[in-house]
Amino acid sequence: MSFYARVFSLAEDYPSRYAICDELLEAGYEFSTFPGKYDEDFDEKNWKYLMLEYDPNHEPIRIERNVKGADSIFEEEQEEFLEVLKELPYSKEQKKAIEIIKNMVQIYALDIDEDITEEGWDFLETLLDFIADATDGYVQIDEEGIYDKEGELLVEME
């Protein structure tokens, strides 16, 4: 089984696969990627997928990047999250979360195995922080909710 963490990005800019890997390397992590760093499509400008294996004995973290107007899954996810948020009791946090979902222009969906290790969680946190900072994004984690820029829970979603 797996769960998803997402970054709802408000900026059209996005980090390259190289930038993501460089950030993780600078943080001291060892990992492998697919596509590999020396594969000809690794430096693809408008990339869609990246797999990061933080531990050869555990499932990799799979990233899928979906862009507004280019991927139907973007619109489907946007609609699903708006429906869930509109069912929550009204609050300024709920209103802010709806605004984030309406204004996002890309979604980074990270497929994470339930058996993620403690080191894997640290790796994931570094990865999510980098993508969120690079894309004016907000982190969402399944069964938890949407987090604000400071990492505090903005809206709880189960």
N, C-alpha and C. Protein backbone atom coordinates (compact mmCIF):
# COMPACT_ATOMS: atom_id res chain seq x y z
N MET A 1 0.83 -1.19 0.00
CA MET A 1 0.00 0.00 0.00
C MET A 1 0.88 1.25 0.00
N SER A 2 0.28 2.31 -0.48
CA SER A 2 1.02 3.57 -0.50
C SER A 2 0.06 4.71 -0.19
N PHE A 3 0.62 5.87 0.00
CA PHE A 3 -0.16 7.09 0.20
C PHE A 3 0.49 8.19 -0.62
N TYR A 4 -0.19 9.31 -0.72
CA TYR A 4 0.33 10.42 -1.51
C TYR A 4 0.61 11.64 -0.65
N ALA A 5 1.67 12.33 -1.02
CA ALA A 5 1.93 13.69 -0.56
C ALA A 5 1.94 14.51 -1.84
N ARG A 6 1.45 15.72 -1.77
CA ARG A 6 1.40 16.57 -2.96
C ARG A 6 1.93 17.95 -2.62
N VAL A 7 2.40 18.61 -3.66
CA VAL A 7 2.71 20.03 -3.54
C VAL A 7 1.82 20.73 -4.55
N PHE A 8 0.96 21.62 -4.03
CA PHE A 8 0.10 22.44 -4.87
C PHE A 8 0.87 23.72 -5.17
N SER A 9 1.31 23.89 -6.40
CA SER A 9 2.21 24.99 -6.76
C SER A 9 1.46 26.14 -7.41
N LEU A 10 1.75 27.35 -6.91
CA LEU A 10 1.12 28.55 -7.45
C LEU A 10 1.96 29.20 -8.53
N ALA A 11 3.23 28.80 -8.66
CA ALA A 11 4.13 29.38 -9.66
C ALA A 11 4.28 28.43 -10.85
N GLU A 12 4.44 29.01 -12.02
CA GLU A 12 4.65 28.20 -13.22
C GLU A 12 6.07 27.67 -13.32
N ASP A 13 7.01 28.33 -12.66
CA ASP A 13 8.40 27.84 -12.66
C ASP A 13 8.45 26.50 -11.95
N TYR A 14 9.41 25.69 -12.34
CA TYR A 14 9.57 24.40 -11.69
C TYR A 14 11.04 24.02 -11.71
N PRO A 15 11.47 23.27 -10.68
CA PRO A 15 12.87 22.86 -10.64
C PRO A 15 13.14 21.75 -11.64
N SER A 16 14.34 21.74 -12.18
CA SER A 16 14.74 20.65 -13.07
C SER A 16 15.00 19.40 -12.23
N ARG A 17 15.07 18.27 -12.88
CA ARG A 17 15.45 17.05 -12.17
C ARG A 17 16.83 17.22 -11.53
N TYR A 18 17.73 17.92 -12.25
CA TYR A 18 19.07 18.17 -11.70
C TYR A 18 18.99 18.98 -10.41
N ALA A 19 18.15 20.02 -10.40
CA ALA A 19 18.04 20.87 -9.21
C ALA A 19 17.53 20.07 -8.01
N ILE A 20 16.55 19.21 -8.25
CA ILE A 20 16.02 18.37 -7.17
C ILE A 20 17.13 17.46 -6.63
N CYS A 21 17.86 16.81 -7.52
CA CYS A 21 18.94 15.92 -7.09
C CYS A 21 20.05 16.67 -6.38
N ASP A 22 20.41 17.84 -6.89
CA ASP A 22 21.45 18.64 -6.25
C ASP A 22 21.06 19.02 -4.83
N GLU A 23 19.80 19.39 -4.63
CA GLU A 23 19.32 19.76 -3.30
C GLU A 23 19.44 18.57 -2.34
N LEU A 24 19.04 17.40 -2.80
CA LEU A 24 19.12 16.21 -1.95
C LEU A 24 20.56 15.80 -1.67
N LEU A 25 21.43 15.94 -2.66
CA LEU A 25 22.86 15.65 -2.46
C LEU A 25 23.48 16.62 -1.47
N GLU A 26 23.14 17.91 -1.60
CA GLU A 26 23.67 18.92 -0.67
C GLU A 26 23.21 18.65 0.76
N ALA A 27 22.03 18.05 0.90
CA ALA A 27 21.51 17.72 2.23
C ALA A 27 22.15 16.44 2.78
N GLY A 28 23.02 15.80 1.97
CA GLY A 28 23.76 14.64 2.44
C GLY A 28 23.14 13.29 2.14
N TYR A 29 22.15 13.25 1.29
CA TYR A 29 21.49 11.97 0.97
C TYR A 29 22.18 11.26 -0.19
N GLU A 30 22.19 9.93 -0.10
CA GLU A 30 22.63 9.09 -1.21
C GLU A 30 21.38 8.43 -1.76
N PHE A 31 21.23 8.41 -3.08
CA PHE A 31 20.02 7.87 -3.68
C PHE A 31 20.29 7.59 -5.15
N SER A 32 19.39 6.87 -5.77
CA SER A 32 19.46 6.67 -7.21
C SER A 32 18.17 7.18 -7.83
N THR A 33 18.21 7.43 -9.13
CA THR A 33 17.04 8.00 -9.81
C THR A 33 16.69 7.18 -11.05
N PHE A 34 15.45 7.32 -11.45
CA PHE A 34 15.02 6.86 -12.76
C PHE A 34 14.13 7.95 -13.33
N PRO A 35 14.41 8.51 -14.49
CA PRO A 35 15.57 8.14 -15.30
C PRO A 35 16.87 8.49 -14.58
N GLY A 36 17.93 7.80 -14.98
CA GLY A 36 19.25 8.04 -14.40
C GLY A 36 19.82 9.37 -14.84
N LYS A 37 20.72 9.90 -14.04
CA LYS A 37 21.31 11.22 -14.30
C LYS A 37 22.02 11.29 -15.65
N TYR A 38 22.47 10.15 -16.15
CA TYR A 38 23.19 10.15 -17.43
C TYR A 38 22.32 9.68 -18.59
N ASP A 39 21.05 9.40 -18.33
CA ASP A 39 20.12 9.08 -19.42
C ASP A 39 19.86 10.35 -20.22
N GLU A 40 19.68 10.20 -21.53
CA GLU A 40 19.54 11.39 -22.38
C GLU A 40 18.30 12.21 -22.06
N ASP A 41 17.25 11.59 -21.51
CA ASP A 41 16.04 12.37 -21.22
C ASP A 41 16.01 12.93 -19.79
N PHE A 42 17.10 12.75 -19.02
CA PHE A 42 17.12 13.27 -17.65
C PHE A 42 16.99 14.79 -17.61
N ASP A 43 17.60 15.47 -18.59
CA ASP A 43 17.56 16.93 -18.59
C ASP A 43 16.38 17.48 -19.41
N GLU A 44 15.38 16.62 -19.67
CA GLU A 44 14.16 17.03 -20.35
C GLU A 44 13.58 18.26 -19.64
N LYS A 45 13.32 19.30 -20.40
CA LYS A 45 12.88 20.57 -19.81
C LYS A 45 11.52 20.46 -19.12
N ASN A 46 10.54 19.95 -19.81
CA ASN A 46 9.18 19.87 -19.28
C ASN A 46 8.92 18.46 -18.75
N TRP A 47 9.71 18.05 -17.75
CA TRP A 47 9.64 16.69 -17.24
C TRP A 47 8.31 16.40 -16.54
N LYS A 48 7.95 15.13 -16.53
CA LYS A 48 6.69 14.71 -15.93
C LYS A 48 6.89 13.72 -14.78
N TYR A 49 7.89 12.84 -14.89
CA TYR A 49 8.10 11.79 -13.89
C TYR A 49 9.54 11.78 -13.38
N LEU A 50 9.68 11.37 -12.11
CA LEU A 50 10.99 11.13 -11.52
C LEU A 50 10.82 10.13 -10.39
N MET A 51 11.65 9.10 -10.37
CA MET A 51 11.66 8.15 -9.26
C MET A 51 12.95 8.34 -8.47
N LEU A 52 12.81 8.37 -7.15
CA LEU A 52 13.96 8.54 -6.26
C LEU A 52 14.00 7.36 -5.30
N GLU A 53 15.09 6.60 -5.37
CA GLU A 53 15.27 5.45 -4.49
C GLU A 53 16.22 5.84 -3.36
N TYR A 54 15.65 6.09 -2.18
CA TYR A 54 16.46 6.52 -1.03
C TYR A 54 17.10 5.33 -0.31
N ASP A 55 16.55 4.11 -0.56
CA ASP A 55 17.06 2.90 0.08
C ASP A 55 16.76 1.73 -0.86
N PRO A 56 17.79 0.97 -1.27
CA PRO A 56 17.56 -0.11 -2.23
C PRO A 56 16.64 -1.21 -1.70
N ASN A 57 16.41 -1.26 -0.39
CA ASN A 57 15.55 -2.28 0.20
C ASN A 57 14.11 -1.81 0.39
N HIS A 58 13.80 -0.61 -0.07
CA HIS A 58 12.45 -0.06 0.06
C HIS A 58 11.98 0.50 -1.27
N GLU A 59 10.67 0.61 -1.40
CA GLU A 59 10.09 1.15 -2.62
C GLU A 59 10.56 2.59 -2.83
N PRO A 60 10.81 2.99 -4.08
CA PRO A 60 11.21 4.38 -4.34
C PRO A 60 10.03 5.34 -4.16
N ILE A 61 10.35 6.60 -4.04
CA ILE A 61 9.34 7.66 -4.05
C ILE A 61 9.16 8.06 -5.51
N ARG A 62 7.93 8.02 -5.97
CA ARG A 62 7.63 8.35 -7.37
C ARG A 62 6.99 9.73 -7.42
N ILE A 63 7.57 10.61 -8.23
CA ILE A 63 7.02 11.96 -8.41
C ILE A 63 6.38 12.05 -9.79
N GLU A 64 5.17 12.58 -9.81
CA GLU A 64 4.50 12.87 -11.08
C GLU A 64 4.13 14.35 -11.05
N ARG A 65 4.55 15.07 -12.08
CA ARG A 65 4.29 16.51 -12.18
C ARG A 65 3.17 16.72 -13.20
N ASN A 66 2.05 17.30 -12.73
CA ASN A 66 0.90 17.56 -13.60
C ASN A 66 0.67 19.06 -13.69
N VAL A 67 0.47 19.54 -14.92
CA VAL A 67 0.39 20.97 -15.20
C VAL A 67 -1.01 21.35 -15.67
N LYS A 68 -1.49 22.49 -15.18
CA LYS A 68 -2.79 23.02 -15.58
C LYS A 68 -2.83 23.19 -17.10
N GLY A 69 -3.91 22.70 -17.71
CA GLY A 69 -4.08 22.85 -19.14
C GLY A 69 -3.34 21.82 -19.98
N ALA A 70 -2.44 21.06 -19.37
CA ALA A 70 -1.67 20.08 -20.13
C ALA A 70 -1.98 18.64 -19.73
N ASP A 71 -2.47 18.45 -18.51
CA ASP A 71 -2.72 17.11 -17.99
C ASP A 71 -4.13 17.03 -17.42
N SER A 72 -4.95 16.11 -17.92
CA SER A 72 -6.33 16.00 -17.44
C SER A 72 -6.37 15.63 -15.96
N ILE A 73 -5.35 14.92 -15.48
CA ILE A 73 -5.32 14.56 -14.07
C ILE A 73 -5.25 15.80 -13.18
N PHE A 74 -4.64 16.88 -13.68
CA PHE A 74 -4.58 18.12 -12.91
C PHE A 74 -5.99 18.60 -12.60
N GLU A 75 -6.83 18.70 -13.63
CA GLU A 75 -8.19 19.20 -13.44
C GLU A 75 -9.01 18.25 -12.56
N GLU A 76 -8.81 16.94 -12.72
CA GLU A 76 -9.53 15.97 -11.89
C GLU A 76 -9.16 16.14 -10.42
N GLU A 77 -7.87 16.24 -10.13
CA GLU A 77 -7.42 16.41 -8.74
C GLU A 77 -7.91 17.74 -8.18
N GLN A 78 -7.82 18.79 -8.98
CA GLN A 78 -8.27 20.11 -8.53
C GLN A 78 -9.75 20.05 -8.13
N GLU A 79 -10.57 19.44 -8.97
CA GLU A 79 -12.00 19.33 -8.70
C GLU A 79 -12.27 18.50 -7.44
N GLU A 80 -11.56 17.39 -7.30
CA GLU A 80 -11.74 16.53 -6.12
C GLU A 80 -11.40 17.28 -4.83
N PHE A 81 -10.28 18.00 -4.82
CA PHE A 81 -9.89 18.73 -3.62
C PHE A 81 -10.84 19.87 -3.32
N LEU A 82 -11.34 20.55 -4.34
CA LEU A 82 -12.31 21.62 -4.12
C LEU A 82 -13.59 21.07 -3.50
N GLU A 83 -14.05 19.92 -3.98
CA GLU A 83 -15.26 19.30 -3.43
C GLU A 83 -15.08 18.98 -1.95
N VAL A 84 -13.96 18.36 -1.60
CA VAL A 84 -13.70 17.99 -0.21
C VAL A 84 -13.61 19.23 0.67
N LEU A 85 -12.89 20.25 0.20
CA LEU A 85 -12.72 21.47 1.00
C LEU A 85 -14.03 22.22 1.20
N LYS A 86 -14.88 22.23 0.20
CA LYS A 86 -16.16 22.95 0.31
C LYS A 86 -17.11 22.28 1.30
N GLU A 87 -16.88 21.00 1.60
CA GLU A 87 -17.70 20.29 2.58
C GLU A 87 -17.25 20.56 4.02
N LEU A 88 -16.07 21.11 4.20
CA LEU A 88 -15.57 21.42 5.54
C LEU A 88 -16.27 22.65 6.09
N PRO A 89 -16.36 22.76 7.43
CA PRO A 89 -16.95 23.97 8.01
C PRO A 89 -16.19 25.22 7.57
N TYR A 90 -16.93 26.30 7.36
CA TYR A 90 -16.30 27.54 6.90
C TYR A 90 -15.34 28.07 7.97
N SER A 91 -14.18 28.49 7.52
CA SER A 91 -13.19 29.16 8.38
C SER A 91 -12.25 29.91 7.46
N LYS A 92 -11.45 30.82 8.03
CA LYS A 92 -10.49 31.53 7.18
C LYS A 92 -9.45 30.56 6.61
N GLU A 93 -9.13 29.49 7.36
CA GLU A 93 -8.18 28.49 6.87
C GLU A 93 -8.78 27.70 5.70
N GLN A 94 -10.06 27.35 5.82
CA GLN A 94 -10.74 26.64 4.73
C GLN A 94 -10.80 27.52 3.49
N LYS A 95 -11.09 28.81 3.70
CA LYS A 95 -11.14 29.76 2.58
C LYS A 95 -9.77 29.87 1.90
N LYS A 96 -8.70 29.94 2.70
CA LYS A 96 -7.33 30.01 2.18
C LYS A 96 -6.99 28.75 1.38
N ALA A 97 -7.38 27.57 1.90
CA ALA A 97 -7.10 26.31 1.20
C ALA A 97 -7.83 26.26 -0.14
N ILE A 98 -9.08 26.72 -0.18
CA ILE A 98 -9.83 26.77 -1.45
C ILE A 98 -9.13 27.70 -2.43
N GLU A 99 -8.66 28.83 -1.94
CA GLU A 99 -7.93 29.79 -2.79
C GLU A 99 -6.67 29.15 -3.37
N ILE A 100 -5.95 28.39 -2.56
CA ILE A 100 -4.73 27.69 -3.02
C ILE A 100 -5.09 26.73 -4.16
N ILE A 101 -6.12 25.92 -3.95
CA ILE A 101 -6.51 24.92 -4.96
C ILE A 101 -6.98 25.60 -6.24
N LYS A 102 -7.74 26.67 -6.12
CA LYS A 102 -8.23 27.37 -7.32
C LYS A 102 -7.09 28.02 -8.10
N ASN A 103 -6.06 28.50 -7.41
CA ASN A 103 -4.98 29.26 -8.05
C ASN A 103 -3.75 28.44 -8.43
N MET A 104 -3.71 27.18 -8.03
CA MET A 104 -2.52 26.38 -8.35
C MET A 104 -2.43 26.16 -9.85
N VAL A 105 -1.18 26.03 -10.34
CA VAL A 105 -0.96 25.82 -11.77
C VAL A 105 -0.23 24.51 -12.06
N GLN A 106 0.23 23.84 -11.00
CA GLN A 106 0.81 22.52 -11.17
C GLN A 106 0.72 21.75 -9.85
N ILE A 107 0.70 20.44 -9.99
CA ILE A 107 0.64 19.55 -8.83
C ILE A 107 1.80 18.56 -8.94
N TYR A 108 2.55 18.45 -7.86
CA TYR A 108 3.57 17.40 -7.75
C TYR A 108 2.96 16.33 -6.85
N ALA A 109 2.68 15.16 -7.41
CA ALA A 109 2.11 14.06 -6.63
C ALA A 109 3.22 13.06 -6.34
N LEU A 110 3.49 12.82 -5.07
CA LEU A 110 4.54 11.90 -4.65
C LEU A 110 3.89 10.64 -4.09
N ASP A 111 4.11 9.52 -4.75
CA ASP A 111 3.59 8.23 -4.35
C ASP A 111 4.60 7.60 -3.40
N ILE A 112 4.18 7.36 -2.14
CA ILE A 112 5.09 6.93 -1.09
C ILE A 112 4.60 5.63 -0.48
N ASP A 113 5.48 4.66 -0.35
CA ASP A 113 5.13 3.38 0.24
C ASP A 113 4.89 3.56 1.74
N GLU A 114 3.88 2.84 2.27
CA GLU A 114 3.57 2.93 3.71
C GLU A 114 4.74 2.50 4.59
N ASP A 115 5.61 1.65 4.06
CA ASP A 115 6.74 1.14 4.84
C ASP A 115 7.96 2.07 4.79
N ILE A 116 7.74 3.33 4.56
CA ILE A 116 8.85 4.29 4.49
C ILE A 116 9.60 4.30 5.82
N THR A 117 10.91 4.36 5.74
CA THR A 117 11.75 4.34 6.94
C THR A 117 11.86 5.74 7.54
N GLU A 118 12.47 5.82 8.72
CA GLU A 118 12.70 7.13 9.35
C GLU A 118 13.58 8.00 8.46
N GLU A 119 14.63 7.38 7.88
CA GLU A 119 15.49 8.12 6.95
C GLU A 119 14.69 8.55 5.72
N GLY A 120 13.78 7.70 5.29
CA GLY A 120 12.92 8.03 4.16
C GLY A 120 12.04 9.24 4.44
N TRP A 121 11.53 9.33 5.68
CA TRP A 121 10.72 10.50 6.06
C TRP A 121 11.56 11.78 6.00
N ASP A 122 12.80 11.70 6.49
CA ASP A 122 13.69 12.87 6.43
C ASP A 122 13.96 13.27 4.98
N PHE A 123 14.22 12.27 4.14
CA PHE A 123 14.45 12.48 2.71
C PHE A 123 13.21 13.14 2.09
N LEU A 124 12.04 12.60 2.41
CA LEU A 124 10.77 13.13 1.88
C LEU A 124 10.55 14.57 2.32
N GLU A 125 10.82 14.86 3.58
CA GLU A 125 10.63 16.22 4.09
C GLU A 125 11.53 17.22 3.35
N THR A 126 12.78 16.85 3.13
CA THR A 126 13.70 17.70 2.38
C THR A 126 13.18 17.92 0.96
N LEU A 127 12.72 16.86 0.33
CA LEU A 127 12.19 16.91 -1.03
C LEU A 127 10.95 17.81 -1.11
N LEU A 128 10.00 17.61 -0.21
CA LEU A 128 8.77 18.42 -0.20
C LEU A 128 9.08 19.90 0.06
N ASP A 129 9.96 20.16 1.03
CA ASP A 129 10.33 21.55 1.34
C ASP A 129 10.95 22.23 0.13
N PHE A 130 11.84 21.51 -0.57
CA PHE A 130 12.50 22.10 -1.73
C PHE A 130 11.50 22.41 -2.84
N ILE A 131 10.65 21.45 -3.17
CA ILE A 131 9.67 21.68 -4.24
C ILE A 131 8.71 22.81 -3.86
N ALA A 132 8.24 22.82 -2.62
CA ALA A 132 7.32 23.87 -2.18
C ALA A 132 7.99 25.24 -2.24
N ASP A 133 9.23 25.34 -1.78
CA ASP A 133 9.94 26.62 -1.81
C ASP A 133 10.21 27.08 -3.24
N ALA A 134 10.55 26.14 -4.13
CA ALA A 134 10.91 26.47 -5.51
C ALA A 134 9.71 26.85 -6.36
N THR A 135 8.51 26.46 -5.93
CA THR A 135 7.33 26.65 -6.78
C THR A 135 6.20 27.42 -6.10
N ASP A 136 6.50 28.11 -5.01
CA ASP A 136 5.46 28.80 -4.24
C ASP A 136 4.33 27.82 -3.94
N GLY A 137 4.71 26.67 -3.38
CA GLY A 137 3.76 25.59 -3.18
C GLY A 137 3.37 25.35 -1.74
N TYR A 138 2.28 24.60 -1.60
CA TYR A 138 1.74 24.19 -0.31
C TYR A 138 1.69 22.67 -0.29
N VAL A 139 2.11 22.07 0.82
CA VAL A 139 2.17 20.62 0.93
C VAL A 139 0.84 20.07 1.43
N GLN A 140 0.43 18.97 0.82
CA GLN A 140 -0.76 18.23 1.25
C GLN A 140 -0.32 16.79 1.45
N ILE A 141 -0.78 16.17 2.55
CA ILE A 141 -0.47 14.77 2.80
C ILE A 141 -1.78 14.04 3.07
N ASP A 142 -1.97 12.90 2.39
CA ASP A 142 -3.19 12.11 2.58
C ASP A 142 -3.39 11.79 4.05
N GLU A 143 -4.65 11.80 4.47
CA GLU A 143 -5.06 11.50 5.85
C GLU A 143 -4.59 12.55 6.85
N GLU A 144 -3.96 13.62 6.38
CA GLU A 144 -3.53 14.70 7.28
C GLU A 144 -4.20 16.00 6.88
N GLY A 145 -3.79 16.57 5.74
CA GLY A 145 -4.38 17.82 5.30
C GLY A 145 -3.41 18.66 4.51
N ILE A 146 -3.70 19.96 4.44
CA ILE A 146 -2.87 20.91 3.72
C ILE A 146 -2.12 21.76 4.74
N TYR A 147 -0.84 21.96 4.48
CA TYR A 147 0.02 22.70 5.39
C TYR A 147 0.33 24.08 4.83
N ASP A 148 0.51 25.05 5.75
CA ASP A 148 0.89 26.40 5.32
C ASP A 148 2.39 26.46 5.06
N LYS A 149 2.87 27.65 4.70
CA LYS A 149 4.29 27.82 4.34
C LYS A 149 5.24 27.52 5.51
N GLU A 150 4.75 27.65 6.74
CA GLU A 150 5.60 27.41 7.90
C GLU A 150 5.56 25.95 8.35
N GLY A 151 4.80 25.12 7.63
CA GLY A 151 4.71 23.71 7.99
C GLY A 151 3.65 23.40 9.01
N GLU A 152 2.80 24.37 9.32
CA GLU A 152 1.70 24.16 10.26
C GLU A 152 0.47 23.70 9.49
N LEU A 153 -0.32 22.81 10.10
CA LEU A 153 -1.52 22.30 9.45
C LEU A 153 -2.51 23.45 9.25
N LEU A 154 -2.83 23.73 8.00
CA LEU A 154 -3.78 24.78 7.64
C LEU A 154 -5.20 24.25 7.73
N VAL A 155 -5.44 23.11 7.08
CA VAL A 155 -6.76 22.48 7.05
C VAL A 155 -6.58 20.98 7.21
N GLU A 156 -7.31 20.40 8.14
CA GLU A 156 -7.27 18.95 8.32
C GLU A 156 -8.21 18.30 7.32
N MET A 157 -7.72 17.25 6.67
CA MET A 157 -8.53 16.51 5.69
C MET A 157 -8.28 15.03 5.91
N GLU A 158 -9.34 14.27 6.11
CA GLU A 158 -9.17 12.82 6.34
C GLU A 158 -9.57 12.03 5.13
